[in-house]
N, C-alpha and C. Protein backbone atom coordinates (compact mmCIF):
# COMPACT_ATOMS: atom_id res chain seq x y z
N MET A 1 60.51 70.21 208.17
CA MET A 1 59.68 70.52 208.26
C MET A 1 58.17 71.42 207.14
N SER A 2 59.08 72.95 207.16
CA SER A 2 58.47 74.20 206.03
C SER A 2 57.42 72.88 205.33
N ASP A 3 58.61 72.45 204.32
CA ASP A 3 58.05 71.69 203.39
C ASP A 3 56.91 70.52 203.53
N GLU A 4 56.61 70.11 204.93
CA GLU A 4 55.31 68.96 204.74
C GLU A 4 54.25 70.36 205.13
N LEU A 5 55.07 71.25 205.59
CA LEU A 5 53.27 72.31 205.81
C LEU A 5 53.27 72.67 205.01
N THR A 6 53.58 73.02 203.67
CA THR A 6 53.08 73.24 202.16
C THR A 6 52.93 72.31 201.19
N SER A 7 53.09 71.44 201.54
CA SER A 7 52.37 69.99 200.74
C SER A 7 51.23 69.99 201.21
N ASP A 8 51.42 69.73 202.52
CA ASP A 8 49.94 68.61 203.09
C ASP A 8 49.03 69.81 202.95
N PRO A 9 47.91 69.09 202.20
CA PRO A 9 46.58 70.66 201.96
C PRO A 9 45.50 69.93 202.75
N GLU A 10 45.64 69.14 203.89
CA GLU A 10 44.50 68.81 204.70
C GLU A 10 45.56 69.00 206.20
N THR A 11 46.02 69.91 205.91
CA THR A 11 46.38 71.34 207.37
C THR A 11 45.17 71.76 208.33
N PRO A 12 45.76 72.05 208.87
CA PRO A 12 44.62 73.08 209.52
C PRO A 12 44.04 74.24 209.40
N GLU A 13 45.25 74.89 208.68
CA GLU A 13 45.27 76.84 208.40
C GLU A 13 44.31 76.88 207.01
N THR A 14 45.04 75.69 206.27
CA THR A 14 44.33 75.67 204.41
C THR A 14 42.75 74.96 204.76
N GLY A 15 42.27 73.97 205.52
CA GLY A 15 41.23 74.12 206.13
C GLY A 15 40.52 75.08 206.53
N VAL A 16 40.80 75.96 207.41
CA VAL A 16 39.77 76.72 207.84
C VAL A 16 39.85 78.15 206.82
N ALA A 17 40.99 78.17 206.21
CA ALA A 17 40.66 79.29 204.71
C ALA A 17 39.65 79.00 203.85
N SER A 18 39.14 77.81 203.98
CA SER A 18 38.74 77.24 203.13
C SER A 18 37.14 77.22 203.80
N ASP A 19 37.23 76.82 204.21
CA ASP A 19 35.74 76.99 205.20
C ASP A 19 35.42 78.10 205.33
N SER A 20 36.42 79.48 205.55
CA SER A 20 35.94 80.25 205.48
C SER A 20 35.59 81.25 204.91
N THR A 21 36.60 81.31 203.40
CA THR A 21 35.40 81.49 202.35
C THR A 21 34.15 80.60 201.42
N ALA A 22 34.31 79.49 201.57
CA ALA A 22 33.27 78.29 201.68
C ALA A 22 31.56 79.49 201.99
N GLU A 23 32.26 79.31 203.61
CA GLU A 23 30.93 79.68 204.65
C GLU A 23 30.62 81.73 204.16
N LEU A 24 31.59 82.45 203.62
CA LEU A 24 31.49 84.00 203.23
C LEU A 24 30.50 83.79 201.23
N GLN A 25 30.76 82.98 200.93
CA GLN A 25 30.42 82.43 199.46
C GLN A 25 28.83 82.38 199.43
N ARG A 26 28.86 81.35 200.91
CA ARG A 26 27.33 80.89 200.92
C ARG A 26 26.57 81.85 201.66
N GLU A 27 26.83 82.70 202.22
CA GLU A 27 26.33 84.16 203.38
C GLU A 27 26.39 85.09 202.11
N ARG A 28 27.36 85.37 201.15
CA ARG A 28 26.84 85.94 200.11
C ARG A 28 25.51 85.25 199.11
N ASP A 29 25.59 84.48 198.73
CA ASP A 29 24.50 83.90 197.82
C ASP A 29 23.50 83.94 198.51
N ASP A 30 23.60 83.95 199.66
CA ASP A 30 21.76 83.87 200.78
C ASP A 30 21.64 85.92 200.39
N PHE A 31 22.53 86.12 200.23
CA PHE A 31 22.37 87.88 200.79
C PHE A 31 22.16 87.83 199.11
N ARG A 32 22.42 88.24 198.30
CA ARG A 32 22.16 88.29 196.52
C ARG A 32 20.33 87.55 196.74
N ASP A 33 20.25 86.54 197.23
CA ASP A 33 19.40 85.84 196.89
C ASP A 33 17.96 86.10 197.52
N ARG A 34 18.22 87.31 198.73
CA ARG A 34 16.96 87.63 199.65
C ARG A 34 17.07 88.99 198.93
N TRP A 35 18.02 89.47 197.99
CA TRP A 35 17.99 91.53 197.83
C TRP A 35 16.93 90.67 196.20
N MET A 36 17.61 89.69 195.65
CA MET A 36 16.46 89.88 194.45
C MET A 36 15.06 88.82 194.77
N ARG A 37 14.85 88.43 195.84
CA ARG A 37 13.43 88.46 196.49
C ARG A 37 12.85 89.68 196.66
N LYS A 38 13.55 90.02 197.54
CA LYS A 38 12.69 91.92 198.10
C LYS A 38 13.02 92.89 196.04
N THR A 39 13.92 92.23 196.15
CA THR A 39 13.26 93.33 194.63
C THR A 39 11.96 92.86 193.76
N ALA A 40 12.28 91.93 193.53
CA ALA A 40 10.81 91.33 192.88
C ALA A 40 9.92 91.88 193.36
N GLU A 41 9.52 91.47 195.28
CA GLU A 41 8.56 91.64 195.91
C GLU A 41 8.13 93.64 195.57
N PHE A 42 8.83 93.74 195.66
CA PHE A 42 8.93 95.60 195.41
C PHE A 42 8.41 95.86 194.31
N ASP A 43 9.27 94.64 193.17
CA ASP A 43 8.12 95.36 191.59
C ASP A 43 6.73 95.15 192.17
N ASN A 44 6.27 93.42 192.07
CA ASN A 44 5.06 93.06 192.44
C ASN A 44 4.44 94.01 193.18
N TYR A 45 4.56 95.07 194.09
CA TYR A 45 4.15 95.81 194.69
C TYR A 45 3.66 96.62 194.06
N ARG A 46 4.84 97.20 193.09
CA ARG A 46 5.08 98.13 192.78
C ARG A 46 3.29 98.32 191.98
N LYS A 47 3.33 97.47 191.27
CA LYS A 47 2.21 96.91 190.00
C LYS A 47 1.54 97.04 190.48
N ARG A 48 0.88 96.49 191.38
CA ARG A 48 -0.33 95.99 192.09
C ARG A 48 -1.16 97.76 191.97
N VAL A 49 0.32 98.21 192.99
CA VAL A 49 -0.70 99.41 193.59
C VAL A 49 -1.27 100.88 191.95
N GLU A 50 -0.39 100.00 190.96
CA GLU A 50 -0.74 101.16 189.86
C GLU A 50 -2.10 101.01 189.32
N ARG A 51 -2.12 99.62 189.51
CA ARG A 51 -3.52 98.77 188.98
C ARG A 51 -4.24 99.26 189.63
N GLU A 52 -4.28 98.63 190.92
CA GLU A 52 -5.24 99.08 192.15
C GLU A 52 -5.73 100.76 191.63
N ARG A 53 -4.64 101.73 191.25
CA ARG A 53 -4.96 103.53 191.28
C ARG A 53 -5.94 103.51 190.05
N ARG A 54 -5.13 102.53 188.84
CA ARG A 54 -6.28 103.23 187.59
C ARG A 54 -7.50 102.92 187.60
N GLU A 55 -7.37 101.55 188.01
CA GLU A 55 -8.90 101.00 188.98
C GLU A 55 -10.00 102.24 189.02
N GLN A 56 -8.60 102.74 189.98
CA GLN A 56 -9.83 103.72 190.93
C GLN A 56 -10.87 104.75 190.28
N ALA A 57 -9.21 105.25 189.37
CA ALA A 57 -9.69 106.52 189.13
C ALA A 57 -10.68 105.83 187.80
N ASP A 58 -10.51 104.85 187.11
CA ASP A 58 -12.07 104.39 186.30
C ASP A 58 -13.35 103.71 186.91
N HIS A 59 -13.45 104.38 187.74
CA HIS A 59 -14.69 103.50 189.03
C HIS A 59 -14.97 105.41 188.98
N LYS A 60 -14.37 105.94 189.41
CA LYS A 60 -14.87 107.16 189.42
C LYS A 60 -15.60 107.84 187.99
N VAL A 61 -14.85 107.65 187.12
CA VAL A 61 -14.89 108.12 185.61
C VAL A 61 -16.24 107.53 185.44
N VAL A 62 -16.63 106.23 185.97
CA VAL A 62 -17.61 105.65 185.36
C VAL A 62 -19.08 106.45 185.99
N ASP A 63 -18.66 106.34 187.68
CA ASP A 63 -19.83 107.28 188.98
C ASP A 63 -20.17 108.73 188.10
N LEU A 64 -19.11 108.73 187.08
CA LEU A 64 -19.85 110.65 186.83
C LEU A 64 -20.27 110.23 185.41
N LEU A 65 -19.77 109.66 184.82
CA LEU A 65 -20.39 109.57 183.78
C LEU A 65 -21.71 108.82 184.02
N LEU A 66 -22.08 107.92 184.88
CA LEU A 66 -23.34 107.86 184.89
C LEU A 66 -24.60 109.05 186.09
N ALA A 67 -23.70 109.58 186.25
CA ALA A 67 -24.54 110.89 186.92
C ALA A 67 -25.20 111.56 185.71
N LEU A 68 -23.91 111.72 184.81
CA LEU A 68 -24.30 112.24 184.18
C LEU A 68 -24.80 111.91 183.02
N LEU A 69 -25.49 110.58 182.94
CA LEU A 69 -26.74 110.62 181.88
C LEU A 69 -27.96 110.22 182.62
N GLN A 70 -27.95 110.23 183.46
CA GLN A 70 -29.16 110.61 184.71
C GLN A 70 -30.15 111.71 183.84
N VAL A 71 -28.94 112.96 183.66
CA VAL A 71 -29.33 115.09 183.59
C VAL A 71 -30.09 114.13 181.86
N VAL A 72 -28.79 113.53 180.72
CA VAL A 72 -29.50 113.10 180.06
C VAL A 72 -30.60 112.75 179.23
N ASP A 73 -31.21 111.45 180.27
CA ASP A 73 -32.78 111.24 180.08
C ASP A 73 -33.42 112.48 181.03
N ASP A 74 -33.27 112.88 181.50
CA ASP A 74 -34.40 114.46 182.09
C ASP A 74 -34.36 115.17 180.83
N PHE A 75 -32.82 115.43 179.96
CA PHE A 75 -33.46 116.25 179.19
C PHE A 75 -33.75 114.85 177.78
N ASP A 76 -34.00 113.98 178.13
CA ASP A 76 -34.54 113.69 176.69
C ASP A 76 -36.08 113.47 176.81
N LEU A 77 -36.99 113.37 178.26
CA LEU A 77 -37.95 113.43 178.66
C LEU A 77 -38.66 114.53 178.80
N ALA A 78 -37.93 115.57 178.81
CA ALA A 78 -38.23 117.11 178.84
C ALA A 78 -38.31 117.60 177.11
N LEU A 79 -37.58 117.32 176.18
CA LEU A 79 -37.72 117.57 175.12
C LEU A 79 -39.21 116.64 174.41
N GLY A 80 -38.94 115.73 175.14
CA GLY A 80 -39.91 113.99 174.34
C GLY A 80 -41.09 114.38 174.77
N ALA A 81 -41.46 115.35 175.98
CA ALA A 81 -43.09 115.68 176.28
C ALA A 81 -43.38 117.30 175.86
N ASP A 82 -42.96 117.93 175.31
CA ASP A 82 -42.73 119.66 175.16
C ASP A 82 -42.76 119.14 173.26
N ALA A 83 -42.70 117.87 173.12
CA ALA A 83 -42.90 117.65 171.62
C ALA A 83 -43.67 118.31 170.47
N GLY A 84 -44.57 118.90 170.77
CA GLY A 84 -45.50 119.87 169.53
C GLY A 84 -45.22 121.37 169.76
N ASN A 85 -44.18 121.67 170.19
CA ASN A 85 -43.68 123.30 170.23
C ASN A 85 -42.21 123.30 169.71
N ARG A 86 -42.19 123.13 168.77
CA ARG A 86 -40.67 122.77 168.24
C ARG A 86 -40.41 124.42 168.05
N ASP A 87 -41.09 125.94 168.25
CA ASP A 87 -40.44 127.43 167.37
C ASP A 87 -40.27 127.60 169.19
N SER A 88 -40.07 127.40 169.98
CA SER A 88 -39.99 128.23 171.26
C SER A 88 -37.80 128.12 171.54
N SER A 89 -37.43 129.13 171.98
CA SER A 89 -36.55 129.82 171.99
C SER A 89 -35.96 128.80 172.98
N TYR A 90 -36.85 128.68 174.54
CA TYR A 90 -37.07 127.78 175.36
C TYR A 90 -36.18 126.49 174.58
N ARG A 91 -37.06 126.02 174.36
CA ARG A 91 -37.01 124.60 173.50
C ARG A 91 -35.22 124.53 172.93
N LYS A 92 -35.18 125.17 172.03
CA LYS A 92 -33.89 125.66 171.73
C LYS A 92 -32.45 125.56 172.44
N GLY A 93 -32.64 125.81 173.19
CA GLY A 93 -32.13 126.33 174.29
C GLY A 93 -31.77 124.59 174.97
N VAL A 94 -32.92 124.55 175.14
CA VAL A 94 -32.67 123.27 176.11
C VAL A 94 -31.86 121.96 175.58
N GLU A 95 -32.67 121.91 173.53
CA GLU A 95 -32.03 120.69 172.75
C GLU A 95 -30.09 121.34 172.55
N LEU A 96 -29.97 122.79 173.07
CA LEU A 96 -28.23 122.90 172.78
C LEU A 96 -27.91 122.66 173.91
N ILE A 97 -28.25 122.34 174.90
CA ILE A 97 -27.58 121.96 176.37
C ILE A 97 -27.75 120.84 176.07
N GLN A 98 -28.77 120.15 175.34
CA GLN A 98 -28.78 118.06 175.78
C GLN A 98 -27.60 117.88 174.64
N ALA A 99 -27.62 118.68 173.63
CA ALA A 99 -26.19 118.18 172.06
C ALA A 99 -25.42 118.40 173.44
N LYS A 100 -24.31 119.55 173.60
CA LYS A 100 -23.61 119.82 174.57
C LYS A 100 -23.37 117.98 175.35
N LEU A 101 -24.02 118.52 176.44
CA LEU A 101 -23.84 117.10 176.64
C LEU A 101 -23.72 115.74 176.56
N HIS A 102 -24.27 115.56 174.96
CA HIS A 102 -24.05 114.27 174.49
C HIS A 102 -23.08 114.83 173.74
N ASP A 103 -22.31 115.91 173.49
CA ASP A 103 -21.35 115.63 172.70
C ASP A 103 -19.73 115.57 173.62
N VAL A 104 -20.77 115.99 174.91
CA VAL A 104 -19.33 115.60 176.47
C VAL A 104 -19.08 113.93 176.47
N LEU A 105 -20.36 113.09 176.18
CA LEU A 105 -20.04 111.73 176.48
C LEU A 105 -19.55 111.53 175.27
N ARG A 106 -19.31 111.36 174.45
CA ARG A 106 -19.02 111.78 172.96
C ARG A 106 -17.66 111.43 172.75
N LYS A 107 -17.16 112.52 173.40
CA LYS A 107 -15.45 112.95 173.52
C LYS A 107 -15.05 111.86 174.71
N GLN A 108 -15.59 111.23 175.39
CA GLN A 108 -15.44 110.27 176.82
C GLN A 108 -15.09 109.22 176.41
N GLY A 109 -15.97 108.71 174.76
CA GLY A 109 -16.12 106.96 174.07
C GLY A 109 -17.29 106.98 174.93
N VAL A 110 -18.17 106.79 175.26
CA VAL A 110 -19.24 106.41 175.53
C VAL A 110 -20.61 106.64 174.44
N ARG A 111 -20.61 105.67 174.09
CA ARG A 111 -22.31 105.49 172.92
C ARG A 111 -23.01 105.22 173.13
N ALA A 112 -24.67 105.48 172.42
CA ALA A 112 -25.21 104.42 172.49
C ALA A 112 -25.70 103.44 172.18
N ILE A 113 -26.61 102.62 172.61
CA ILE A 113 -26.70 101.35 171.87
C ILE A 113 -27.57 101.53 171.14
N GLU A 114 -27.34 101.14 169.91
CA GLU A 114 -29.55 101.07 169.51
C GLU A 114 -29.78 99.88 169.54
N ALA A 115 -30.97 99.96 170.39
CA ALA A 115 -31.55 98.59 170.86
C ALA A 115 -32.90 98.00 169.47
N VAL A 116 -33.99 98.97 169.22
CA VAL A 116 -34.97 98.76 168.43
C VAL A 116 -34.53 98.55 167.38
N GLY A 117 -35.85 97.43 167.13
CA GLY A 117 -34.98 96.14 166.13
C GLY A 117 -34.20 95.61 165.71
N ALA A 118 -33.48 95.16 167.01
CA ALA A 118 -31.81 94.72 167.19
C ALA A 118 -32.97 93.32 168.00
N ASP A 119 -31.97 91.89 167.95
CA ASP A 119 -32.50 90.95 169.05
C ASP A 119 -32.23 91.28 170.34
N PHE A 120 -33.36 90.85 171.06
CA PHE A 120 -32.46 90.87 172.70
C PHE A 120 -31.51 89.79 172.89
N ASP A 121 -30.73 90.69 173.62
CA ASP A 121 -28.85 90.55 174.08
C ASP A 121 -29.45 90.58 175.06
N PRO A 122 -28.94 89.77 176.27
CA PRO A 122 -28.77 90.16 177.82
C PRO A 122 -27.83 90.54 178.36
N GLU A 123 -26.91 90.82 177.10
CA GLU A 123 -25.40 91.53 177.92
C GLU A 123 -25.72 92.39 177.20
N LEU A 124 -26.75 93.38 176.36
CA LEU A 124 -27.18 95.05 176.22
C LEU A 124 -28.26 95.71 176.87
N HIS A 125 -28.95 94.30 176.80
CA HIS A 125 -30.63 94.95 177.38
C HIS A 125 -31.07 94.06 178.34
N GLN A 126 -32.27 94.81 178.86
CA GLN A 126 -32.57 94.93 180.67
C GLN A 126 -34.48 94.48 179.90
N ALA A 127 -34.62 93.80 180.07
CA ALA A 127 -35.91 92.98 179.53
C ALA A 127 -36.72 93.75 180.88
N VAL A 128 -37.49 94.79 180.44
CA VAL A 128 -38.83 95.49 181.31
C VAL A 128 -40.19 94.73 180.95
N MET A 129 -40.12 94.35 179.46
CA MET A 129 -42.17 93.76 179.50
C MET A 129 -41.61 92.67 178.13
N HIS A 130 -42.69 92.18 178.34
CA HIS A 130 -42.74 90.88 176.92
C HIS A 130 -44.02 91.78 176.55
N GLU A 131 -44.10 91.47 175.05
CA GLU A 131 -45.46 91.64 174.23
C GLU A 131 -45.55 90.99 173.11
N SER A 132 -47.12 90.29 172.75
CA SER A 132 -47.35 89.48 171.52
C SER A 132 -47.25 90.64 170.50
N SER A 133 -46.81 90.30 169.45
CA SER A 133 -46.01 91.44 168.33
C SER A 133 -46.76 90.77 166.77
N PRO A 134 -47.81 90.76 166.56
CA PRO A 134 -47.79 89.33 165.33
C PRO A 134 -46.72 90.03 164.16
N GLY A 135 -45.93 91.63 164.43
CA GLY A 135 -45.26 92.13 163.26
C GLY A 135 -44.30 92.06 163.64
N HIS A 136 -43.72 91.25 164.57
CA HIS A 136 -42.26 92.07 164.86
C HIS A 136 -42.30 90.09 164.79
N ARG A 137 -40.97 89.78 164.74
CA ARG A 137 -40.06 88.23 165.04
C ARG A 137 -39.79 88.32 167.01
N ASP A 138 -40.06 87.40 167.20
CA ASP A 138 -40.01 86.25 169.17
C ASP A 138 -38.44 87.07 169.32
N GLY A 139 -37.91 87.54 170.07
CA GLY A 139 -36.97 88.39 170.26
C GLY A 139 -36.57 89.68 170.12
N GLU A 140 -36.92 90.15 169.14
CA GLU A 140 -36.97 91.55 168.36
C GLU A 140 -37.69 92.92 169.65
N VAL A 141 -35.99 93.55 169.65
CA VAL A 141 -36.73 94.50 170.58
C VAL A 141 -37.96 95.49 169.59
N ILE A 142 -39.01 95.41 170.54
CA ILE A 142 -39.64 96.42 170.13
C ILE A 142 -39.97 98.23 170.77
N ALA A 143 -39.28 98.29 171.36
CA ALA A 143 -39.50 99.59 172.21
C ALA A 143 -38.43 99.54 173.39
N GLU A 144 -38.07 100.84 173.45
CA GLU A 144 -37.06 101.16 174.62
C GLU A 144 -37.67 101.98 175.33
N LEU A 145 -37.16 102.08 177.11
CA LEU A 145 -37.60 102.73 177.29
C LEU A 145 -36.92 103.48 179.05
N ARG A 146 -35.73 103.17 178.23
CA ARG A 146 -34.13 103.79 178.52
C ARG A 146 -33.41 103.02 177.39
N ARG A 147 -32.84 104.23 177.46
CA ARG A 147 -31.41 104.08 176.50
C ARG A 147 -29.89 103.28 177.28
N GLY A 148 -29.31 102.92 176.28
CA GLY A 148 -28.40 102.00 177.06
C GLY A 148 -27.44 102.83 176.44
N TYR A 149 -26.14 102.91 177.22
CA TYR A 149 -24.57 102.79 176.98
C TYR A 149 -23.31 101.87 177.44
N LEU A 150 -22.69 102.61 175.58
CA LEU A 150 -20.92 101.94 176.12
C LEU A 150 -20.57 102.27 176.68
N LEU A 151 -19.06 102.11 177.32
CA LEU A 151 -18.23 103.05 177.10
C LEU A 151 -16.80 102.11 176.63
N GLY A 152 -16.43 102.83 175.07
CA GLY A 152 -15.44 101.73 174.53
C GLY A 152 -16.66 100.45 174.33
N ASP A 153 -16.07 99.64 174.52
CA ASP A 153 -16.72 98.07 174.21
C ASP A 153 -17.21 97.45 175.73
N ARG A 154 -17.24 98.60 177.19
CA ARG A 154 -17.75 98.09 178.05
C ARG A 154 -19.26 98.43 178.52
N LEU A 155 -20.25 97.46 178.93
CA LEU A 155 -21.17 98.33 179.08
C LEU A 155 -21.52 98.83 180.50
N LEU A 156 -21.68 100.46 180.33
CA LEU A 156 -21.84 101.83 181.05
C LEU A 156 -23.52 101.01 181.78
N ARG A 157 -24.36 101.22 180.64
CA ARG A 157 -25.70 100.91 181.16
C ARG A 157 -26.68 100.01 180.26
N PRO A 158 -27.36 98.92 180.57
CA PRO A 158 -27.75 98.06 179.99
C PRO A 158 -29.42 99.10 179.49
N ALA A 159 -29.94 98.74 178.28
CA ALA A 159 -30.72 100.08 177.80
C ALA A 159 -32.13 99.13 177.98
N MET A 160 -33.14 100.05 178.52
CA MET A 160 -34.15 99.18 179.55
C MET A 160 -35.97 99.05 178.48
N VAL A 161 -35.60 97.67 177.82
CA VAL A 161 -36.80 97.86 176.34
C VAL A 161 -37.63 96.98 176.80
N LYS A 162 -38.37 96.83 175.64
CA LYS A 162 -40.10 95.86 175.54
C LYS A 162 -39.32 94.79 174.52
N VAL A 163 -40.04 94.18 174.77
CA VAL A 163 -39.03 92.65 173.55
C VAL A 163 -40.82 91.76 172.87
N ALA A 164 -40.66 91.27 171.88
CA ALA A 164 -41.83 91.01 171.25
C ALA A 164 -41.42 89.79 171.55
N LYS A 165 -42.84 88.96 171.29
CA LYS A 165 -42.70 87.48 171.60
C LYS A 165 -44.06 87.40 171.44
N SER A 166 -43.75 85.63 170.26
CA SER A 166 -45.01 85.65 169.56
C SER A 166 -45.33 84.81 170.15
C-alpha cells in the first residue's frame, strides 16, 4: 500500500501541496506587482514635485526680474529727461546705478531685444502704434516706446513699438 501512495501522483496530499505552492506563488507575484506599481507611482510623484518646485522657483525669478525692469525703465526715463545736463555729478551717480542694474540683469541672463530697424515680430514686439513712413519699409519697427527683454530664449517682456506702414 505504501507503493501506491508514493507512485500515485493524484493523491490528496500532493494535490494540496501543489495547490498551496501555486497559491503562494500567485500571492508572491501579486505582492511583487503591487510593490513595482507603488515604486513607479512614488518615482512619478517625486519627479512631479521636483518639476513643480523648479517651475515655482522660475516664476519667482521672473516676477523679481519684471519688478527690476520697472526700475530700469524709470532710470532710462530719468536719464532721458535730463539729457542736456551731462556734467552733473548727480547724473553720473544715476548712470552708475543704472549700469549696475543692467549688469545684474545681464548676469541673470536677461538681454534687451533690439527692436528699432527690425521687422515687426509679434513674438517679440507689441505694436501700439502704426505710422505712415515713406522712408521705412512696411512692417519695420521705427520707434521703441518701452524696451523688451528676453531671459535666455524665453520672452520676459515684449518691446512696445511703433511700426511703419506703407
